[in-house]
Each structure stands twice: as structure tokens, then as C-alpha cells.
PDB file of N, CA and C in Angstrom:
ATOM      1  N   PRO A   1     -11.846 -13.190  -6.769  1.00  0.00           N
ATOM      2  CA  PRO A   1     -10.998 -13.196  -5.572  1.00  0.00           C
ATOM      3  C   PRO A   1     -11.341 -12.038  -4.637  1.00  0.00           C
ATOM      4  N   GLU A   2     -11.118 -12.265  -3.391  1.00  0.00           N
ATOM      5  CA  GLU A   2     -11.380 -11.238  -2.386  1.00  0.00           C
ATOM      6  C   GLU A   2     -10.283 -10.183  -2.382  1.00  0.00           C
ATOM      7  N   GLU A   3     -10.631  -9.036  -1.848  1.00  0.00           N
ATOM      8  CA  GLU A   3      -9.679  -7.939  -1.662  1.00  0.00           C
ATOM      9  C   GLU A   3      -9.278  -7.895  -0.187  1.00  0.00           C
ATOM     10  N   VAL A   4      -8.191  -7.188   0.106  1.00  0.00           N
ATOM     11  CA  VAL A   4      -7.864  -6.944   1.505  1.00  0.00           C
ATOM     12  C   VAL A   4      -8.910  -5.990   2.070  1.00  0.00           C
ATOM     13  N   THR A   5      -9.065  -5.974   3.380  1.00  0.00           N
ATOM     14  CA  THR A   5     -10.019  -5.085   4.019  1.00  0.00           C
ATOM     15  C   THR A   5      -9.304  -4.203   5.036  1.00  0.00           C
ATOM     16  N   ASN A   6      -9.967  -3.142   5.422  1.00  0.00           N
ATOM     17  CA  ASN A   6      -9.454  -2.221   6.437  1.00  0.00           C
ATOM     18  C   ASN A   6      -8.070  -1.678   6.118  1.00  0.00           C
ATOM     19  N   LEU A   7      -7.837  -1.376   4.861  1.00  0.00           N
ATOM     20  CA  LEU A   7      -6.563  -0.778   4.448  1.00  0.00           C
ATOM     21  C   LEU A   7      -6.461   0.627   5.035  1.00  0.00           C
ATOM     22  N   SER A   8      -5.348   0.900   5.702  1.00  0.00           N
ATOM     23  CA  SER A   8      -5.145   2.234   6.262  1.00  0.00           C
ATOM     24  C   SER A   8      -3.677   2.607   6.186  1.00  0.00           C
ATOM     25  N   SER A   9      -3.428   3.902   6.185  1.00  0.00           N
ATOM     26  CA  SER A   9      -2.043   4.386   6.248  1.00  0.00           C
ATOM     27  C   SER A   9      -1.988   5.508   7.270  1.00  0.00           C
ATOM     28  N   VAL A  10      -0.940   5.491   8.061  1.00  0.00           N
ATOM     29  CA  VAL A  10      -0.732   6.495   9.087  1.00  0.00           C
ATOM     30  C   VAL A  10       0.535   7.253   8.734  1.00  0.00           C
ATOM     31  N   SER A  11       0.414   8.561   8.652  1.00  0.00           N
ATOM     32  CA  SER A  11       1.562   9.398   8.338  1.00  0.00           C
ATOM     33  C   SER A  11       2.378   9.648   9.602  1.00  0.00           C
ATOM     34  N   LEU A  12       3.627   9.239   9.569  1.00  0.00           N
ATOM     35  CA  LEU A  12       4.562   9.489  10.663  1.00  0.00           C
ATOM     36  C   LEU A  12       5.514  10.595  10.219  1.00  0.00           C
ATOM     37  N   ASN A  13       6.505  10.932  10.996  1.00  0.00           N
ATOM     38  CA  ASN A  13       7.412  12.030  10.638  1.00  0.00           C
ATOM     39  C   ASN A  13       8.091  11.829   9.292  1.00  0.00           C
ATOM     40  N   SER A  14       8.621  10.657   9.057  1.00  0.00           N
ATOM     41  CA  SER A  14       9.348  10.424   7.807  1.00  0.00           C
ATOM     42  C   SER A  14       8.993   9.071   7.190  1.00  0.00           C
ATOM     43  N   ALA A  15       7.750   8.633   7.415  1.00  0.00           N
ATOM     44  CA  ALA A  15       7.310   7.352   6.865  1.00  0.00           C
ATOM     45  C   ALA A  15       5.784   7.269   6.913  1.00  0.00           C
ATOM     46  N   TYR A  16       5.276   6.320   6.147  1.00  0.00           N
ATOM     47  CA  TYR A  16       3.868   5.950   6.235  1.00  0.00           C
ATOM     48  C   TYR A  16       3.813   4.504   6.699  1.00  0.00           C
ATOM     49  N   TYR A  17       2.994   4.251   7.695  1.00  0.00           N
ATOM     50  CA  TYR A  17       2.757   2.887   8.149  1.00  0.00           C
ATOM     51  C   TYR A  17       1.463   2.426   7.500  1.00  0.00           C
ATOM     52  N   VAL A  18       1.569   1.448   6.614  1.00  0.00           N
ATOM     53  CA  VAL A  18       0.427   0.936   5.862  1.00  0.00           C
ATOM     54  C   VAL A  18       0.082  -0.439   6.433  1.00  0.00           C
ATOM     55  N   GLN A  19      -1.207  -0.650   6.718  1.00  0.00           N
ATOM     56  CA  GLN A  19      -1.625  -1.957   7.229  1.00  0.00           C
ATOM     57  C   GLN A  19      -2.983  -2.336   6.649  1.00  0.00           C
ATOM     58  N   TRP A  20      -3.270  -3.632   6.660  1.00  0.00           N
ATOM     59  CA  TRP A  20      -4.522  -4.138   6.107  1.00  0.00           C
ATOM     60  C   TRP A  20      -4.826  -5.481   6.740  1.00  0.00           C
ATOM     61  N   ASP A  21      -6.085  -5.910   6.593  1.00  0.00           N
ATOM     62  CA  ASP A  21      -6.514  -7.222   7.071  1.00  0.00           C
ATOM     63  C   ASP A  21      -6.506  -8.211   5.919  1.00  0.00           C
ATOM     64  N   LYS A  22      -6.218  -9.451   6.260  1.00  0.00           N
ATOM     65  CA  LYS A  22      -6.252 -10.529   5.263  1.00  0.00           C
ATOM     66  C   LYS A  22      -7.671 -10.701   4.740  1.00  0.00           C
ATOM     67  N   PRO A  23      -7.811 -11.270   3.528  1.00  0.00           N
ATOM     68  CA  PRO A  23      -9.160 -11.583   3.048  1.00  0.00           C
ATOM     69  C   PRO A  23      -9.825 -12.574   4.010  1.00  0.00           C
ATOM     70  N   VAL A  24     -11.096 -12.393   4.252  1.00  0.00           N
ATOM     71  CA  VAL A  24     -11.801 -13.167   5.274  1.00  0.00           C
ATOM     72  C   VAL A  24     -11.872 -14.658   4.938  1.00  0.00           C
ATOM     73  N   ASN A  25     -12.282 -14.992   3.729  1.00  0.00           N
ATOM     74  CA  ASN A  25     -12.551 -16.391   3.401  1.00  0.00           C
ATOM     75  C   ASN A  25     -11.419 -17.116   2.684  1.00  0.00           C
ATOM     76  N   SER A  26     -10.569 -16.390   1.987  1.00  0.00           N
ATOM     77  CA  SER A  26      -9.550 -17.069   1.174  1.00  0.00           C
ATOM     78  C   SER A  26      -8.123 -16.761   1.621  1.00  0.00           C
ATOM     79  N   PHE A  27      -7.949 -16.375   2.896  1.00  0.00           N
ATOM     80  CA  PHE A  27      -6.623 -15.993   3.378  1.00  0.00           C
ATOM     81  C   PHE A  27      -5.610 -17.123   3.277  1.00  0.00           C
ATOM     82  N   ARG A  28      -6.055 -18.366   3.367  1.00  0.00           N
ATOM     83  CA  ARG A  28      -5.107 -19.491   3.314  1.00  0.00           C
ATOM     84  C   ARG A  28      -4.549 -19.719   1.911  1.00  0.00           C
ATOM     85  N   PHE A  29      -5.133 -19.074   0.905  1.00  0.00           N
ATOM     86  CA  PHE A  29      -4.655 -19.212  -0.468  1.00  0.00           C
ATOM     87  C   PHE A  29      -3.757 -18.048  -0.893  1.00  0.00           C
ATOM     88  N   VAL A  30      -3.518 -17.104   0.015  1.00  0.00           N
ATOM     89  CA  VAL A  30      -2.683 -15.940  -0.301  1.00  0.00           C
ATOM     90  C   VAL A  30      -1.225 -16.366  -0.363  1.00  0.00           C
ATOM     91  N   GLU A  31      -0.581 -16.027  -1.465  1.00  0.00           N
ATOM     92  CA  GLU A  31       0.858 -16.279  -1.589  1.00  0.00           C
ATOM     93  C   GLU A  31       1.637 -15.041  -1.155  1.00  0.00           C
ATOM     94  N   ASP A  32       1.250 -13.897  -1.665  1.00  0.00           N
ATOM     95  CA  ASP A  32       1.930 -12.642  -1.367  1.00  0.00           C
ATOM     96  C   ASP A  32       0.950 -11.481  -1.465  1.00  0.00           C
ATOM     97  N   TYR A  33       1.356 -10.369  -0.851  1.00  0.00           N
ATOM     98  CA  TYR A  33       0.683  -9.093  -1.024  1.00  0.00           C
ATOM     99  C   TYR A  33       1.642  -8.177  -1.774  1.00  0.00           C
ATOM    100  N   LYS A  34       1.095  -7.343  -2.632  1.00  0.00           N
ATOM    101  CA  LYS A  34       1.891  -6.327  -3.324  1.00  0.00           C
ATOM    102  C   LYS A  34       1.368  -4.959  -2.919  1.00  0.00           C
ATOM    103  N   VAL A  35       2.276  -4.093  -2.474  1.00  0.00           N
ATOM    104  CA  VAL A  35       1.918  -2.730  -2.086  1.00  0.00           C
ATOM    105  C   VAL A  35       2.454  -1.783  -3.147  1.00  0.00           C
ATOM    106  N   TYR A  36       1.570  -0.936  -3.659  1.00  0.00           N
ATOM    107  CA  TYR A  36       1.928   0.064  -4.656  1.00  0.00           C
ATOM    108  C   TYR A  36       1.702   1.445  -4.067  1.00  0.00           C
ATOM    109  N   VAL A  37       2.495   2.428  -4.521  1.00  0.00           N
ATOM    110  CA  VAL A  37       2.304   3.803  -4.075  1.00  0.00           C
ATOM    111  C   VAL A  37       2.389   4.749  -5.267  1.00  0.00           C
ATOM    112  N   ASP A  38       1.564   5.775  -5.216  1.00  0.00           N
ATOM    113  CA  ASP A  38       1.652   6.877  -6.172  1.00  0.00           C
ATOM    114  C   ASP A  38       1.892   8.139  -5.346  1.00  0.00           C
ATOM    115  N   ILE A  39       2.761   9.009  -5.842  1.00  0.00           N
ATOM    116  CA  ILE A  39       3.141  10.237  -5.141  1.00  0.00           C
ATOM    117  C   ILE A  39       2.977  11.396  -6.111  1.00  0.00           C
ATOM    118  N   LYS A  40       2.162  12.378  -5.702  1.00  0.00           N
ATOM    119  CA  LYS A  40       1.898  13.516  -6.587  1.00  0.00           C
ATOM    120  C   LYS A  40       1.809  14.810  -5.784  1.00  0.00           C
ATOM    121  N   ASP A  41       1.907  15.933  -6.486  1.00  0.00           N
ATOM    122  CA  ASP A  41       1.747  17.250  -5.870  1.00  0.00           C
ATOM    123  C   ASP A  41       0.285  17.537  -5.535  1.00  0.00           C
ATOM    124  N   SER A  42      -0.636  16.919  -6.278  1.00  0.00           N
ATOM    125  CA  SER A  42      -2.063  17.152  -6.101  1.00  0.00           C
ATOM    126  C   SER A  42      -2.751  15.836  -5.738  1.00  0.00           C
ATOM    127  N   GLN A  43      -3.604  15.877  -4.734  1.00  0.00           N
ATOM    128  CA  GLN A  43      -4.317  14.671  -4.322  1.00  0.00           C
ATOM    129  C   GLN A  43      -5.215  14.149  -5.444  1.00  0.00           C
ATOM    130  N   ALA A  44      -5.797  15.039  -6.221  1.00  0.00           N
ATOM    131  CA  ALA A  44      -6.685  14.640  -7.312  1.00  0.00           C
ATOM    132  C   ALA A  44      -5.938  13.901  -8.432  1.00  0.00           C
ATOM    133  N   SER A  45      -4.630  14.066  -8.502  1.00  0.00           N
ATOM    134  CA  SER A  45      -3.830  13.440  -9.554  1.00  0.00           C
ATOM    135  C   SER A  45      -3.409  12.011  -9.234  1.00  0.00           C
ATOM    136  N   LEU A  46      -3.614  11.568  -7.994  1.00  0.00           N
ATOM    137  CA  LEU A  46      -3.187  10.221  -7.601  1.00  0.00           C
ATOM    138  C   LEU A  46      -4.008   9.170  -8.333  1.00  0.00           C
ATOM    139  N   ASN A  47      -3.326   8.161  -8.909  1.00  0.00           N
ATOM    140  CA  ASN A  47      -4.063   7.082  -9.564  1.00  0.00           C
ATOM    141  C   ASN A  47      -3.241   5.807  -9.608  1.00  0.00           C
ATOM    142  N   ARG A  48      -3.941   4.700  -9.664  1.00  0.00           N
ATOM    143  CA  ARG A  48      -3.310   3.369  -9.633  1.00  0.00           C
ATOM    144  C   ARG A  48      -2.421   3.137 -10.849  1.00  0.00           C
ATOM    145  N   ALA A  49      -2.770   3.691 -11.987  1.00  0.00           N
ATOM    146  CA  ALA A  49      -1.994   3.465 -13.218  1.00  0.00           C
ATOM    147  C   ALA A  49      -0.560   3.975 -13.101  1.00  0.00           C
ATOM    148  N   ASP A  50      -0.335   5.010 -12.295  1.00  0.00           N
ATOM    149  CA  ASP A  50       1.012   5.566 -12.125  1.00  0.00           C
ATOM    150  C   ASP A  50       1.753   4.992 -10.920  1.00  0.00           C
ATOM    151  N   ALA A  51       1.088   4.181 -10.121  1.00  0.00           N
ATOM    152  CA  ALA A  51       1.689   3.661  -8.894  1.00  0.00           C
ATOM    153  C   ALA A  51       2.802   2.663  -9.198  1.00  0.00           C
ATOM    154  N   VAL A  52       3.799   2.643  -8.308  1.00  0.00           N
ATOM    155  CA  VAL A  52       4.933   1.726  -8.448  1.00  0.00           C
ATOM    156  C   VAL A  52       4.944   0.735  -7.284  1.00  0.00           C
ATOM    157  N   LEU A  53       5.442  -0.457  -7.554  1.00  0.00           N
ATOM    158  CA  LEU A  53       5.538  -1.503  -6.543  1.00  0.00           C
ATOM    159  C   LEU A  53       6.627  -1.143  -5.538  1.00  0.00           C
ATOM    160  N   VAL A  54       6.282  -1.154  -4.241  1.00  0.00           N
ATOM    161  CA  VAL A  54       7.266  -0.834  -3.197  1.00  0.00           C
ATOM    162  C   VAL A  54       7.473  -1.987  -2.223  1.00  0.00           C
ATOM    163  N   TYR A  55       6.582  -2.989  -2.251  1.00  0.00           N
ATOM    164  CA  TYR A  55       6.723  -4.136  -1.354  1.00  0.00           C
ATOM    165  C   TYR A  55       6.004  -5.333  -1.945  1.00  0.00           C
ATOM    166  N   GLN A  56       6.625  -6.502  -1.769  1.00  0.00           N
ATOM    167  CA  GLN A  56       5.968  -7.764  -2.078  1.00  0.00           C
ATOM    168  C   GLN A  56       6.386  -8.764  -1.021  1.00  0.00           C
ATOM    169  N   GLY A  57       5.409  -9.373  -0.368  1.00  0.00           N
ATOM    170  CA  GLY A  57       5.702 -10.345   0.680  1.00  0.00           C
ATOM    171  C   GLY A  57       4.431 -10.775   1.368  1.00  0.00           C
ATOM    172  N   ASP A  58       4.590 -11.495   2.495  1.00  0.00           N
ATOM    173  CA  ASP A  58       3.406 -12.031   3.162  1.00  0.00           C
ATOM    174  C   ASP A  58       2.991 -11.266   4.413  1.00  0.00           C
ATOM    175  N   ASN A  59       3.655 -10.166   4.719  1.00  0.00           N
ATOM    176  CA  ASN A  59       3.241  -9.336   5.850  1.00  0.00           C
ATOM    177  C   ASN A  59       1.936  -8.611   5.536  1.00  0.00           C
ATOM    178  N   THR A  60       1.186  -8.257   6.570  1.00  0.00           N
ATOM    179  CA  THR A  60      -0.031  -7.468   6.390  1.00  0.00           C
ATOM    180  C   THR A  60       0.186  -6.036   6.858  1.00  0.00           C
ATOM    181  N   ASN A  61       1.435  -5.600   6.786  1.00  0.00           N
ATOM    182  CA  ASN A  61       1.779  -4.206   7.068  1.00  0.00           C
ATOM    183  C   ASN A  61       3.102  -3.889   6.389  1.00  0.00           C
ATOM    184  N   TYR A  62       3.337  -2.598   6.197  1.00  0.00           N
ATOM    185  CA  TYR A  62       4.556  -2.156   5.533  1.00  0.00           C
ATOM    186  C   TYR A  62       4.866  -0.730   5.962  1.00  0.00           C
ATOM    187  N   MET A  63       6.142  -0.466   6.253  1.00  0.00           N
ATOM    188  CA  MET A  63       6.585   0.878   6.609  1.00  0.00           C
ATOM    189  C   MET A  63       7.269   1.476   5.382  1.00  0.00           C
ATOM    190  N   TYR A  64       6.649   2.513   4.823  1.00  0.00           N
ATOM    191  CA  TYR A  64       7.173   3.155   3.615  1.00  0.00           C
ATOM    192  C   TYR A  64       7.925   4.427   4.013  1.00  0.00           C
ATOM    193  N   PRO A  65       9.247   4.465   3.819  1.00  0.00           N
ATOM    194  CA  PRO A  65      10.025   5.660   4.192  1.00  0.00           C
ATOM    195  C   PRO A  65       9.807   6.808   3.210  1.00  0.00           C
ATOM    196  N   VAL A  66       9.755   8.024   3.740  1.00  0.00           N
ATOM    197  CA  VAL A  66       9.564   9.220   2.925  1.00  0.00           C
ATOM    198  C   VAL A  66      10.668  10.210   3.282  1.00  0.00           C
ATOM    199  N   SER A  67      11.269  10.790   2.254  1.00  0.00           N
ATOM    200  CA  SER A  67      12.319  11.769   2.535  1.00  0.00           C
ATOM    201  C   SER A  67      12.385  12.820   1.430  1.00  0.00           C
ATOM    202  N   GLY A  68      13.163  13.839   1.681  1.00  0.00           N
ATOM    203  CA  GLY A  68      13.412  14.869   0.680  1.00  0.00           C
ATOM    204  C   GLY A  68      12.163  15.569   0.206  1.00  0.00           C
ATOM    205  N   SER A  69      12.089  15.774  -1.091  1.00  0.00           N
ATOM    206  CA  SER A  69      10.986  16.536  -1.681  1.00  0.00           C
ATOM    207  C   SER A  69       9.647  15.804  -1.579  1.00  0.00           C
ATOM    208  N   ASN A  70       9.655  14.501  -1.310  1.00  0.00           N
ATOM    209  CA  ASN A  70       8.404  13.746  -1.203  1.00  0.00           C
ATOM    210  C   ASN A  70       7.659  13.984   0.108  1.00  0.00           C
ATOM    211  N   LEU A  71       8.308  14.616   1.076  1.00  0.00           N
ATOM    212  CA  LEU A  71       7.656  14.873   2.366  1.00  0.00           C
ATOM    213  C   LEU A  71       6.420  15.749   2.220  1.00  0.00           C
ATOM    214  N   ASP A  72       6.420  16.673   1.275  1.00  0.00           N
ATOM    215  CA  ASP A  72       5.309  17.612   1.099  1.00  0.00           C
ATOM    216  C   ASP A  72       4.301  17.171   0.048  1.00  0.00           C
ATOM    217  N   LYS A  73       4.457  15.970  -0.494  1.00  0.00           N
ATOM    218  CA  LYS A  73       3.563  15.499  -1.553  1.00  0.00           C
ATOM    219  C   LYS A  73       2.503  14.551  -0.989  1.00  0.00           C
ATOM    220  N   TYR A  74       1.480  14.313  -1.792  1.00  0.00           N
ATOM    221  CA  TYR A  74       0.417  13.369  -1.439  1.00  0.00           C
ATOM    222  C   TYR A  74       0.849  11.951  -1.806  1.00  0.00           C
ATOM    223  N   HIS A  75       0.463  11.002  -0.968  1.00  0.00           N
ATOM    224  CA  HIS A  75       0.770   9.585  -1.183  1.00  0.00           C
ATOM    225  C   HIS A  75      -0.525   8.790  -1.121  1.00  0.00           C
ATOM    226  N   GLN A  76      -0.659   7.824  -2.024  1.00  0.00           N
ATOM    227  CA  GLN A  76      -1.778   6.896  -1.952  1.00  0.00           C
ATOM    228  C   GLN A  76      -1.248   5.490  -2.170  1.00  0.00           C
ATOM    229  N   PHE A  77      -1.787   4.547  -1.394  1.00  0.00           N
ATOM    230  CA  PHE A  77      -1.317   3.166  -1.434  1.00  0.00           C
ATOM    231  C   PHE A  77      -2.430   2.239  -1.898  1.00  0.00           C
ATOM    232  N   TRP A  78      -2.029   1.194  -2.610  1.00  0.00           N
ATOM    233  CA  TRP A  78      -2.925   0.123  -3.032  1.00  0.00           C
ATOM    234  C   TRP A  78      -2.283  -1.194  -2.626  1.00  0.00           C
ATOM    235  N   VAL A  79      -3.096  -2.146  -2.205  1.00  0.00           N
ATOM    236  CA  VAL A  79      -2.595  -3.476  -1.868  1.00  0.00           C
ATOM    237  C   VAL A  79      -3.332  -4.477  -2.741  1.00  0.00           C
ATOM    238  N   GLU A  80      -2.559  -5.303  -3.426  1.00  0.00           N
ATOM    239  CA  GLU A  80      -3.132  -6.359  -4.264  1.00  0.00           C
ATOM    240  C   GLU A  80      -2.670  -7.720  -3.733  1.00  0.00           C
ATOM    241  N   ILE A  81      -3.480  -8.723  -3.971  1.00  0.00           N
ATOM    242  CA  ILE A  81      -3.194 -10.056  -3.480  1.00  0.00           C
ATOM    243  C   ILE A  81      -2.759 -10.965  -4.615  1.00  0.00           C
ATOM    244  N   ILE A  82      -1.707 -11.729  -4.370  1.00  0.00           N
ATOM    245  CA  ILE A  82      -1.285 -12.790  -5.284  1.00  0.00           C
ATOM    246  C   ILE A  82      -1.723 -14.107  -4.651  1.00  0.00           C
ATOM    247  N   TYR A  83      -2.601 -14.826  -5.335  1.00  0.00           N
ATOM    248  CA  TYR A  83      -3.084 -16.105  -4.824  1.00  0.00           C
ATOM    249  C   TYR A  83      -2.262 -17.239  -5.400  1.00  0.00           C
ATOM    250  N   ARG A  84      -2.174 -18.327  -4.630  1.00  0.00           N
ATOM    251  CA  ARG A  84      -1.480 -19.547  -5.107  1.00  0.00           C
ATOM    252  C   ARG A  84      -2.276 -20.189  -6.207  1.00  0.00           C
TER     253      ARG A  84
END
């Protein structure tokens, strides 16, 4: 299966705007996208195994709110595709 392309995140004052492009050839078979995030004190510590699901749906963007002690931490996002 194809992956999403052009995944990017933009840090705003109290949120991250995450966006991506649909898979080029198999976009019509996409049922949902799942967005995962990992938050750590060190950028080197970020990994997919610790990431938690924060969104599931058919949008190709997601606004992730950040508050409190997480404002000063590193964030990394992963997007996975659920095919029909």
C-alpha cells in the first residue's frame, strides 16, 4: 500500500497544524487516516512505538492543540492509512 506524501506540521502558538497529501494511485480506496503523535523532552527520544492516536477520519489535515507543560516539548506526527 502507498503512504501519504508531503506530510508537514506547522507550529502555531498553541497548536500544530498537520497536513498531508492523499496517496497518488490508491486514494479512492482510502477509508480513513490515523494521526499519531509522540511528545518528549528530547527530539532524539521521539519514536512511533510510543505515539498515541489523536485523530481518525477522512480529512487530510488535523489541528492538534497543545497546552500546559507540552508547549516546551518536542512533537512528532505519523499518518497511517486505513484502506477499504
